[in-house]
Amino acid sequence: MEQQIEKIKSAVDKYRDSILETERYIWNNPETGFKEWKTNAHLKEKYEKLGYTVHEAGNIPGFYVEIDTGREGPCVLILGEMDSVICPEHPECDKETGAVHSCGHNTHSAALLGIAAALTEDGILDELCGRIKLCAVPAEELLEIEYRAELKKQGIIKYFGGKSEFLYRGYFDDVDLAFMVHAGGHYGVRKGHHVGCIVKKIIYKGKAAHAGGAPHMGRNSLYAATCGLNAVNAIRETFLNMDYIRVHPIMTAGGSMVNAIPSEARLESYVRGKTFEAMKKVNRKVNQALVGAALSLGTNIEIVDYPGYSPTVHDSNLADVVMDAAAAIIPEHEFRVVNGVATGSTDMGDLSMIMPVQHADAAGAKGTGHGMDYYIVDPVTACVDSAKLQLMMVSLLLMNNGERAKKIIAEYKPTFATKEEFLSFVDSINDSGDRIEYLEDGTAKVRIDK
């Protein structure tokens, strides 16, 4: 084992400059989900120079490469996210788009490149079996819903998350387990859950009229939308604490000119929760509140519900691998074990429904995640040491004829028996259409959900 540890350290350190250059390049060129073309091109060039055959998604950013040890065994998937968030207040954001990596995904891609580079070195694979798949994946941050809805309408994507989309496309069909390491304030591992989410697009439909001369002739969609927001706030005390519900709408449009009654107002929101059952139950309550507001002001409302991300179930056995790897190869870093429920969502949840996953943490970042003060203050810790940790995990999983990986796979209990069963359930969340039909006799028909 000591010999393998030294091989990993030496192999990663050899590519330290390339890893850190990539981290800075991606930080300086932030791109939001399904738009990561510069990042994709930069990484592709690096991988091809290392001798890899890059399997690109093609009509969206992202790719994967495979390493075959030549010995039969499990397939381990390691993921590196490429997309940024939007925070126009951040001093180093893109001034045109507001995009910035105050999510730390630039470090994921840099660490993944370090893993890819190290795996080309002599001796690294000697004691391992099976296959390793490295995936530069787009669109983890679930934002710009209108843009993704248009991609879906055009048939370019079916799902809003990059991992979910890649799963659907079959890129992970041969994978037995998966993990990634996310930038943060400390090294750590999770033995609990992330919540899942349903994504909502809400359009209040009113009637335009002169705001000064004839407001009585209009139907104010903006007022209906604000009533809807207040109605949602009024039902928050009915959410059960044990369900870890989060509902946090934003308004993306509320009128086009001040002297006209707004004919359309648009909202976006998530409904987050610990379980699918909890999310669907609360989503119906939210729809009822939103529809009631529209009805009270005589507007209509279109609600489009999309599957967001599944709750993430972190595999406990795989968490133990992270802990053992950290103790072996980066003992200088403080390491924490996080139990309980995290109220953020990730598309790793979709993978966790059908295979063992682990979404661990690396140190090296400082500030508020997704905020204006977030920076990578120690890229060596966040990228280089992360690459070493992940390679150590691969070694522990695939050494000794893959004994440890096989045990994890055998003891894992999937939420869904197959990918097809899972995707069929996820598709059932889709719902859309106007929710009110106003009748000539002065009554109305209302639809809350399917």
Protein backbone atom coordinates (compact mmCIF):
# COMPACT_ATOMS: atom_id res chain seq x y z
CA MET A 1 0.00 0.00 0.00
CA GLU A 2 2.80 2.43 0.85
CA GLN A 3 4.26 1.92 -2.59
CA GLN A 4 0.93 2.73 -4.25
CA ILE A 5 0.56 5.87 -2.13
CA GLU A 6 3.95 7.13 -3.26
CA LYS A 7 3.13 6.31 -6.89
CA ILE A 8 -0.07 8.36 -6.68
CA LYS A 9 1.58 11.33 -5.00
CA SER A 10 4.43 11.39 -7.50
CA ALA A 11 2.14 10.96 -10.51
CA VAL A 12 -0.20 13.81 -9.49
CA ASP A 13 2.61 16.14 -8.47
CA LYS A 14 4.18 15.69 -11.92
CA TYR A 15 1.13 17.45 -13.41
CA ARG A 16 0.68 20.05 -10.69
CA ASP A 17 1.29 23.04 -13.00
CA SER A 18 -1.19 21.78 -15.59
CA ILE A 19 -3.83 21.17 -12.89
CA LEU A 20 -3.44 24.67 -11.45
CA GLU A 21 -3.39 26.30 -14.88
CA THR A 22 -6.68 24.59 -15.71
CA GLU A 23 -8.23 25.71 -12.43
CA ARG A 24 -7.38 29.35 -13.25
CA TYR A 25 -8.50 29.08 -16.87
CA ILE A 26 -11.94 27.78 -15.89
CA TRP A 27 -12.25 30.35 -13.08
CA ASN A 28 -11.50 33.11 -15.59
CA ASN A 29 -13.95 31.73 -18.16
CA PRO A 30 -17.11 30.90 -16.21
CA GLU A 31 -20.04 29.44 -18.14
CA THR A 32 -23.45 28.35 -16.92
CA GLY A 33 -25.01 24.97 -17.56
CA PHE A 34 -25.19 23.57 -21.08
CA LYS A 35 -23.10 26.55 -22.25
CA GLU A 36 -19.65 25.34 -21.09
CA TRP A 37 -18.14 25.28 -24.58
CA LYS A 38 -14.87 27.06 -23.76
CA THR A 39 -14.34 24.84 -20.74
CA ASN A 40 -15.16 21.76 -22.81
CA ALA A 41 -12.66 22.74 -25.52
CA HIS A 42 -9.89 23.50 -23.01
CA LEU A 43 -10.33 20.19 -21.22
CA LYS A 44 -10.72 18.17 -24.41
CA GLU A 45 -7.41 19.47 -25.72
CA LYS A 46 -5.67 18.55 -22.47
CA TYR A 47 -7.12 15.03 -22.43
CA GLU A 48 -6.24 14.39 -26.05
CA LYS A 49 -2.65 15.51 -25.44
CA LEU A 50 -2.52 12.85 -22.73
CA GLY A 51 -3.50 10.26 -25.35
CA TYR A 52 -7.15 9.77 -24.43
CA THR A 53 -10.00 9.12 -26.84
CA VAL A 54 -12.59 11.71 -25.85
CA HIS A 55 -16.25 10.68 -26.19
CA GLU A 56 -18.13 13.98 -26.52
CA ALA A 57 -21.83 14.51 -25.93
CA GLY A 58 -21.86 16.54 -29.14
CA ASN A 59 -24.90 18.81 -29.08
CA ILE A 60 -24.21 19.81 -25.47
CA PRO A 61 -20.90 20.26 -23.62
CA GLY A 62 -19.35 17.39 -21.72
CA PHE A 63 -17.47 14.20 -22.42
CA TYR A 64 -16.04 11.06 -20.89
CA VAL A 65 -12.90 8.96 -21.27
CA GLU A 66 -12.27 5.37 -20.24
CA ILE A 67 -9.29 3.58 -18.75
CA ASP A 68 -9.27 -0.21 -18.97
CA THR A 69 -6.85 -2.06 -16.71
CA GLY A 70 -7.12 -5.14 -18.91
CA ARG A 71 -8.33 -7.17 -15.93
CA GLU A 72 -11.97 -7.99 -15.32
CA GLY A 73 -13.66 -6.05 -12.55
CA PRO A 74 -16.12 -3.27 -11.65
CA CYS A 75 -16.43 0.07 -13.47
CA VAL A 76 -15.86 3.16 -11.30
CA LEU A 77 -17.15 6.55 -12.46
CA ILE A 78 -15.45 9.77 -11.30
CA LEU A 79 -17.21 13.03 -12.10
CA GLY A 80 -16.00 16.61 -12.47
CA GLU A 81 -18.54 19.39 -12.89
CA MET A 82 -17.89 22.25 -15.33
CA ASP A 83 -20.64 24.85 -14.90
CA SER A 84 -20.76 28.08 -12.92
CA VAL A 85 -23.47 29.98 -11.08
CA ILE A 86 -24.63 33.56 -11.65
CA CYS A 87 -23.67 36.22 -9.10
CA PRO A 88 -23.37 39.69 -10.70
CA GLU A 89 -22.16 41.14 -7.38
CA HIS A 90 -19.00 39.03 -7.38
CA PRO A 91 -15.91 41.17 -8.17
CA GLU A 92 -14.57 38.56 -10.60
CA CYS A 93 -17.76 37.59 -12.40
CA ASP A 94 -18.13 37.78 -16.16
CA LYS A 95 -19.31 41.36 -16.63
CA GLU A 96 -21.67 40.46 -19.47
CA THR A 97 -23.33 37.34 -18.03
CA GLY A 98 -22.75 37.62 -14.27
CA ALA A 99 -21.38 34.06 -14.35
CA VAL A 100 -18.77 33.12 -11.74
CA HIS A 101 -17.43 29.92 -10.21
CA SER A 102 -18.55 30.76 -6.70
CA CYS A 103 -19.61 27.12 -6.65
CA GLY A 104 -16.05 25.78 -6.96
CA HIS A 105 -16.74 23.61 -9.99
CA ASN A 106 -13.56 24.89 -11.61
CA THR A 107 -11.64 22.85 -9.04
CA HIS A 108 -13.60 19.68 -9.85
CA SER A 109 -12.60 19.83 -13.50
CA ALA A 110 -8.98 20.62 -12.65
CA ALA A 111 -8.78 17.72 -10.18
CA LEU A 112 -10.34 15.36 -12.73
CA LEU A 113 -7.70 16.37 -15.25
CA GLY A 114 -5.04 15.60 -12.64
CA ILE A 115 -6.56 12.15 -12.15
CA ALA A 116 -6.58 11.55 -15.91
CA ALA A 117 -2.95 12.64 -16.22
CA ALA A 118 -1.74 10.56 -13.30
CA LEU A 119 -3.46 7.45 -14.66
CA THR A 120 -1.20 7.60 -17.73
CA GLU A 121 1.91 7.14 -15.59
CA ASP A 122 3.72 3.80 -15.43
CA GLY A 123 2.76 1.52 -12.58
CA ILE A 124 -0.39 3.32 -11.40
CA LEU A 125 -2.73 0.63 -12.77
CA ASP A 126 -0.54 -2.38 -12.07
CA GLU A 127 -2.47 -3.66 -9.05
CA LEU A 128 -5.94 -2.55 -10.17
CA CYS A 129 -8.70 -4.37 -12.01
CA GLY A 130 -11.79 -3.27 -13.91
CA ARG A 131 -12.35 0.04 -15.63
CA ILE A 132 -12.30 3.71 -14.68
CA LYS A 133 -14.54 6.23 -16.40
CA LEU A 134 -13.79 9.95 -16.03
CA CYS A 135 -16.60 12.33 -16.94
CA ALA A 136 -16.47 16.10 -17.41
CA VAL A 137 -20.15 16.77 -16.88
CA PRO A 138 -22.18 19.95 -17.58
CA ALA A 139 -25.06 21.68 -15.85
CA GLU A 140 -25.18 20.69 -12.20
CA GLU A 141 -26.43 24.08 -11.03
CA LEU A 142 -30.15 24.07 -11.71
CA LEU A 143 -30.69 27.58 -13.07
CA GLU A 144 -31.81 29.47 -16.20
CA ILE A 145 -34.95 27.34 -16.36
CA GLU A 146 -36.35 29.16 -19.41
CA TYR A 147 -33.17 28.39 -21.36
CA ARG A 148 -33.19 24.73 -20.39
CA ALA A 149 -36.90 24.47 -21.14
CA GLU A 150 -36.16 25.72 -24.65
CA LEU A 151 -33.39 23.13 -25.07
CA LYS A 152 -35.88 20.49 -23.95
CA LYS A 153 -38.50 21.79 -26.37
CA GLN A 154 -35.98 21.58 -29.22
CA GLY A 155 -35.17 17.99 -28.30
CA ILE A 156 -31.55 18.81 -27.43
CA ILE A 157 -31.94 17.66 -23.82
CA LYS A 158 -34.59 15.70 -21.96
CA TYR A 159 -33.45 16.48 -18.40
CA PHE A 160 -32.22 19.70 -16.82
CA GLY A 161 -29.19 18.24 -14.99
CA GLY A 162 -26.03 17.15 -16.78
CA LYS A 163 -25.67 13.87 -14.88
CA SER A 164 -29.37 13.12 -15.37
CA GLU A 165 -29.05 13.80 -19.10
CA PHE A 166 -25.89 11.70 -19.42
CA LEU A 167 -27.61 8.89 -17.52
CA TYR A 168 -30.55 9.05 -19.94
CA ARG A 169 -28.20 9.01 -22.94
CA GLY A 170 -26.64 5.78 -21.75
CA TYR A 171 -23.18 7.12 -20.96
CA PHE A 172 -23.28 5.47 -17.51
CA ASP A 173 -24.95 2.17 -18.44
CA ASP A 174 -21.79 0.19 -17.71
CA VAL A 175 -21.01 1.97 -14.41
CA ASP A 176 -21.17 0.13 -11.08
CA LEU A 177 -20.55 3.00 -8.64
CA ALA A 178 -19.76 6.70 -8.81
CA PHE A 179 -18.20 9.46 -6.76
CA MET A 180 -17.01 13.05 -6.93
CA VAL A 181 -15.30 15.52 -4.59
CA HIS A 182 -16.80 19.01 -4.28
CA ALA A 183 -14.85 22.11 -3.29
CA GLY A 184 -15.63 23.52 0.14
CA GLY A 185 -14.14 24.74 3.37
CA HIS A 186 -12.85 21.39 4.61
CA TYR A 187 -12.27 17.80 3.62
CA GLY A 188 -15.16 15.56 4.57
CA VAL A 189 -17.60 12.86 3.64
CA ARG A 190 -21.37 12.49 3.84
CA LYS A 191 -23.30 9.69 5.49
CA GLY A 192 -26.74 11.24 5.12
CA HIS A 193 -28.85 12.75 2.39
CA HIS A 194 -29.22 15.75 0.09
CA VAL A 195 -32.79 16.82 -0.58
CA GLY A 196 -34.28 16.53 -4.05
CA CYS A 197 -36.35 19.09 -5.93
CA ILE A 198 -39.15 19.72 -8.40
CA VAL A 199 -38.57 22.65 -10.77
CA LYS A 200 -41.40 25.07 -11.47
CA LYS A 201 -42.09 27.63 -14.18
CA ILE A 202 -45.11 29.82 -13.37
CA ILE A 203 -46.75 32.26 -15.78
CA TYR A 204 -49.56 34.55 -14.63
CA LYS A 205 -51.65 35.65 -17.60
CA GLY A 206 -53.60 38.89 -17.33
CA LYS A 207 -54.86 41.54 -19.70
CA ALA A 208 -53.03 44.72 -20.68
CA ALA A 209 -54.70 48.12 -20.34
CA HIS A 210 -53.66 51.74 -19.84
CA ALA A 211 -52.41 51.88 -16.25
CA GLY A 212 -53.59 55.48 -15.74
CA GLY A 213 -56.53 55.89 -18.07
CA ALA A 214 -58.27 52.52 -17.90
CA PRO A 215 -56.83 50.16 -15.27
CA HIS A 216 -60.33 48.77 -14.76
CA MET A 217 -60.11 47.28 -18.24
CA GLY A 218 -57.06 45.19 -17.38
CA ARG A 219 -56.19 42.11 -15.36
CA ASN A 220 -52.97 42.73 -13.47
CA SER A 221 -50.73 39.66 -13.73
CA LEU A 222 -48.09 41.27 -11.52
CA TYR A 223 -50.54 41.72 -8.66
CA ALA A 224 -51.72 38.13 -9.15
CA ALA A 225 -48.12 36.93 -8.97
CA THR A 226 -47.41 38.86 -5.78
CA CYS A 227 -50.60 37.46 -4.27
CA GLY A 228 -49.37 34.02 -5.28
CA LEU A 229 -46.04 34.58 -3.55
CA ASN A 230 -47.84 35.72 -0.41
CA ALA A 231 -50.13 32.69 -0.56
CA VAL A 232 -47.13 30.35 -0.73
CA ASN A 233 -45.59 32.14 2.24
CA ALA A 234 -48.87 31.70 4.14
CA ILE A 235 -48.71 27.90 3.92
CA ARG A 236 -45.09 27.49 5.05
CA GLU A 237 -46.09 26.60 8.60
CA THR A 238 -47.87 23.54 7.21
CA PHE A 239 -44.59 22.07 5.94
CA LEU A 240 -43.30 19.28 8.19
CA ASN A 241 -39.82 19.80 9.64
CA MET A 242 -38.93 16.16 9.04
CA ASP A 243 -39.48 16.65 5.28
CA TYR A 244 -36.83 19.41 5.02
CA ILE A 245 -38.98 21.44 2.63
CA ARG A 246 -37.59 24.51 0.88
CA VAL A 247 -39.64 26.66 -1.52
CA HIS A 248 -37.85 29.74 -2.85
CA PRO A 249 -39.42 31.44 -5.89
CA ILE A 250 -37.96 34.32 -7.90
CA MET A 251 -39.71 36.67 -10.32
CA THR A 252 -38.13 36.81 -13.77
CA ALA A 253 -40.65 39.13 -15.46
CA GLY A 254 -43.33 41.47 -14.16
CA GLY A 255 -44.32 43.84 -16.93
CA SER A 256 -42.79 45.60 -19.91
CA MET A 257 -43.66 49.27 -19.33
CA VAL A 258 -44.84 51.29 -16.39
CA ASN A 259 -47.89 52.84 -18.05
CA ALA A 260 -49.52 49.53 -18.91
CA ILE A 261 -51.17 46.95 -16.69
CA PRO A 262 -48.81 43.95 -16.89
CA SER A 263 -50.35 41.20 -18.99
CA GLU A 264 -47.77 38.61 -17.99
CA ALA A 265 -45.65 37.89 -14.93
CA ARG A 266 -43.21 35.00 -14.65
CA LEU A 267 -41.83 33.14 -11.66
CA GLU A 268 -39.39 30.28 -11.23
CA SER A 269 -39.11 28.12 -8.16
CA TYR A 270 -38.01 24.83 -6.65
CA VAL A 271 -39.91 22.67 -4.24
CA ARG A 272 -37.22 20.81 -2.30
CA GLY A 273 -37.71 17.92 0.08
CA LYS A 274 -36.11 14.84 1.61
CA THR A 275 -38.31 12.36 -0.28
CA PHE A 276 -40.25 12.23 -3.53
CA GLU A 277 -43.44 11.76 -1.51
CA ALA A 278 -42.82 14.94 0.49
CA MET A 279 -41.92 16.97 -2.60
CA LYS A 280 -45.03 15.92 -4.50
CA LYS A 281 -47.31 16.55 -1.51
CA VAL A 282 -45.97 20.06 -0.95
CA ASN A 283 -45.87 20.81 -4.67
CA ARG A 284 -49.63 20.30 -4.80
CA LYS A 285 -50.11 22.71 -1.89
CA VAL A 286 -47.93 25.29 -3.65
CA ASN A 287 -49.88 24.91 -6.89
CA GLN A 288 -53.14 25.36 -5.00
CA ALA A 289 -51.87 28.58 -3.44
CA LEU A 290 -50.62 29.92 -6.76
CA VAL A 291 -53.84 29.05 -8.59
CA GLY A 292 -55.98 30.56 -5.83
CA ALA A 293 -54.18 33.87 -6.24
CA ALA A 294 -54.83 33.89 -9.98
CA LEU A 295 -58.49 33.09 -9.42
CA SER A 296 -58.88 35.90 -6.91
CA LEU A 297 -57.78 38.52 -9.46
CA GLY A 298 -59.40 36.98 -12.53
CA THR A 299 -56.16 36.10 -14.30
CA ASN A 300 -55.12 32.73 -15.58
CA ILE A 301 -52.01 30.82 -14.59
CA GLU A 302 -49.85 28.34 -16.43
CA ILE A 303 -47.76 26.07 -14.24
CA VAL A 304 -45.05 23.87 -15.72
CA ASP A 305 -43.57 21.29 -13.37
CA TYR A 306 -40.34 19.59 -14.37
CA PRO A 307 -38.40 16.83 -12.63
CA GLY A 308 -35.46 18.48 -10.95
CA TYR A 309 -33.09 16.27 -8.96
CA SER A 310 -33.73 13.19 -6.88
CA PRO A 311 -32.88 13.11 -3.17
CA THR A 312 -29.27 11.95 -2.84
CA VAL A 313 -28.67 8.86 -0.73
CA HIS A 314 -24.96 8.73 0.12
CA ASP A 315 -23.63 5.19 0.31
CA SER A 316 -22.18 4.54 3.76
CA ASN A 317 -19.73 1.87 2.60
CA LEU A 318 -18.38 4.20 -0.08
CA ALA A 319 -18.10 6.91 2.57
CA ASP A 320 -15.79 4.59 4.50
CA VAL A 321 -13.59 4.33 1.40
CA VAL A 322 -13.29 8.13 1.31
CA MET A 323 -12.30 8.20 4.98
CA ASP A 324 -9.70 5.47 4.56
CA ALA A 325 -8.28 7.11 1.44
CA ALA A 326 -7.98 10.49 3.17
CA ALA A 327 -6.22 8.96 6.18
CA ALA A 328 -3.77 7.20 3.88
CA ILE A 329 -2.83 9.93 1.42
CA ILE A 330 -3.75 13.37 2.84
CA PRO A 331 -3.47 12.90 6.62
CA GLU A 332 -2.36 16.51 6.98
CA HIS A 333 -5.90 17.72 6.29
CA GLU A 334 -8.64 17.89 8.89
CA PHE A 335 -11.39 15.47 7.90
CA ARG A 336 -15.04 15.61 8.94
CA VAL A 337 -17.90 13.13 8.74
CA VAL A 338 -21.21 14.85 8.01
CA ASN A 339 -24.41 13.10 9.05
CA GLY A 340 -28.01 14.20 8.63
CA VAL A 341 -29.72 16.01 5.78
CA ALA A 342 -28.23 18.73 3.56
CA THR A 343 -30.89 21.03 2.13
CA GLY A 344 -29.11 21.70 -1.15
CA SER A 345 -29.84 19.53 -4.18
CA THR A 346 -27.56 17.87 -6.72
CA ASP A 347 -28.02 15.68 -9.78
CA MET A 348 -25.81 13.11 -8.05
CA GLY A 349 -29.16 12.21 -6.49
CA ASP A 350 -30.35 10.77 -9.78
CA LEU A 351 -27.35 8.45 -9.93
CA SER A 352 -27.87 7.46 -6.29
CA MET A 353 -31.28 6.03 -7.17
CA ILE A 354 -29.68 3.19 -9.15
CA MET A 355 -26.03 2.90 -8.02
CA PRO A 356 -23.86 3.58 -4.94
CA VAL A 357 -22.60 7.18 -4.91
CA GLN A 358 -20.58 9.47 -2.69
CA HIS A 359 -20.46 13.27 -2.92
CA ALA A 360 -17.47 14.13 -0.73
CA ASP A 361 -15.89 17.50 0.06
CA ALA A 362 -12.45 19.05 -0.38
CA ALA A 363 -10.93 22.04 1.39
CA GLY A 364 -9.43 25.10 -0.28
CA ALA A 365 -12.43 27.42 -0.69
CA LYS A 366 -13.44 30.39 1.43
CA GLY A 367 -16.59 32.48 1.58
CA THR A 368 -20.28 31.94 0.99
CA GLY A 369 -21.15 29.31 -1.58
CA HIS A 370 -22.86 30.97 -4.58
CA GLY A 371 -22.06 34.33 -3.01
CA MET A 372 -20.01 37.42 -3.81
CA ASP A 373 -17.19 36.57 -1.37
CA TYR A 374 -16.47 33.02 -2.55
CA TYR A 375 -12.91 32.29 -3.70
CA ILE A 376 -10.55 29.37 -4.11
CA VAL A 377 -7.86 30.46 -1.67
CA ASP A 378 -5.78 27.29 -1.76
CA PRO A 379 -5.94 25.65 -5.21
CA VAL A 380 -3.30 23.08 -4.32
CA THR A 381 -5.50 21.77 -1.52
CA ALA A 382 -8.68 22.04 -3.60
CA CYS A 383 -7.32 20.46 -6.79
CA VAL A 384 -3.99 18.66 -6.40
CA ASP A 385 -4.75 17.06 -3.05
CA SER A 386 -8.27 16.25 -4.22
CA ALA A 387 -6.85 14.38 -7.21
CA LYS A 388 -4.62 12.36 -4.89
CA LEU A 389 -7.58 11.52 -2.64
CA GLN A 390 -9.71 10.34 -5.54
CA LEU A 391 -6.93 8.22 -7.00
CA MET A 392 -6.43 6.65 -3.60
CA MET A 393 -10.15 5.85 -3.53
CA VAL A 394 -9.88 4.16 -6.92
CA SER A 395 -6.95 2.10 -5.65
CA LEU A 396 -8.82 0.97 -2.54
CA LEU A 397 -11.84 0.05 -4.65
CA LEU A 398 -10.07 -1.83 -7.43
CA MET A 399 -7.10 -3.44 -5.67
CA ASN A 400 -7.24 -7.09 -4.57
CA ASN A 401 -9.40 -8.07 -7.53
CA GLY A 402 -11.87 -5.26 -6.79
CA GLU A 403 -12.89 -6.85 -3.51
CA ARG A 404 -13.97 -3.63 -1.82
CA ALA A 405 -15.91 -2.31 -4.81
CA LYS A 406 -17.67 -5.65 -5.20
CA LYS A 407 -18.72 -5.60 -1.53
CA ILE A 408 -20.18 -2.10 -1.91
CA ILE A 409 -22.08 -3.11 -5.04
CA ALA A 410 -23.41 -6.29 -3.41
CA GLU A 411 -24.67 -4.49 -0.29
CA TYR A 412 -26.20 -1.51 -2.10
CA LYS A 413 -30.01 -1.45 -2.16
CA PRO A 414 -31.26 0.67 -5.10
CA THR A 415 -34.37 2.80 -4.81
CA PHE A 416 -35.28 1.74 -8.36
CA ALA A 417 -34.42 -1.63 -9.86
CA THR A 418 -33.39 -0.28 -13.27
CA LYS A 419 -32.55 2.97 -15.01
CA GLU A 420 -35.69 2.60 -17.11
CA GLU A 421 -37.92 2.25 -14.05
CA PHE A 422 -36.31 5.31 -12.48
CA LEU A 423 -36.63 7.50 -15.58
CA SER A 424 -40.24 6.43 -16.05
CA PHE A 425 -41.02 7.60 -12.51
CA VAL A 426 -39.15 10.88 -13.03
CA ASP A 427 -41.07 11.52 -16.25
CA SER A 428 -44.33 11.21 -14.35
CA ILE A 429 -43.49 14.46 -12.51
CA ASN A 430 -43.83 16.45 -15.74
CA ASP A 431 -47.02 18.50 -15.82
CA SER A 432 -48.00 21.65 -17.68
CA GLY A 433 -50.87 23.80 -18.87
CA ASP A 434 -53.27 26.55 -17.84
CA ARG A 435 -54.95 25.76 -14.54
CA ILE A 436 -58.15 27.82 -14.81
CA GLU A 437 -61.00 27.74 -17.33
CA TYR A 438 -63.37 30.68 -16.97
CA LEU A 439 -66.91 29.78 -18.06
CA GLU A 440 -69.61 32.01 -19.55
CA ASP A 441 -71.90 31.54 -16.56
CA GLY A 442 -69.35 33.23 -14.28
CA THR A 443 -67.96 30.06 -12.76
CA ALA A 444 -64.54 28.54 -13.32
CA LYS A 445 -62.98 25.12 -13.56
CA VAL A 446 -59.71 24.73 -11.71
CA ARG A 447 -56.98 22.10 -12.11
CA ILE A 448 -54.32 21.87 -9.39
CA ASP A 449 -52.32 18.98 -10.83
CA LYS A 450 -52.67 15.84 -12.94
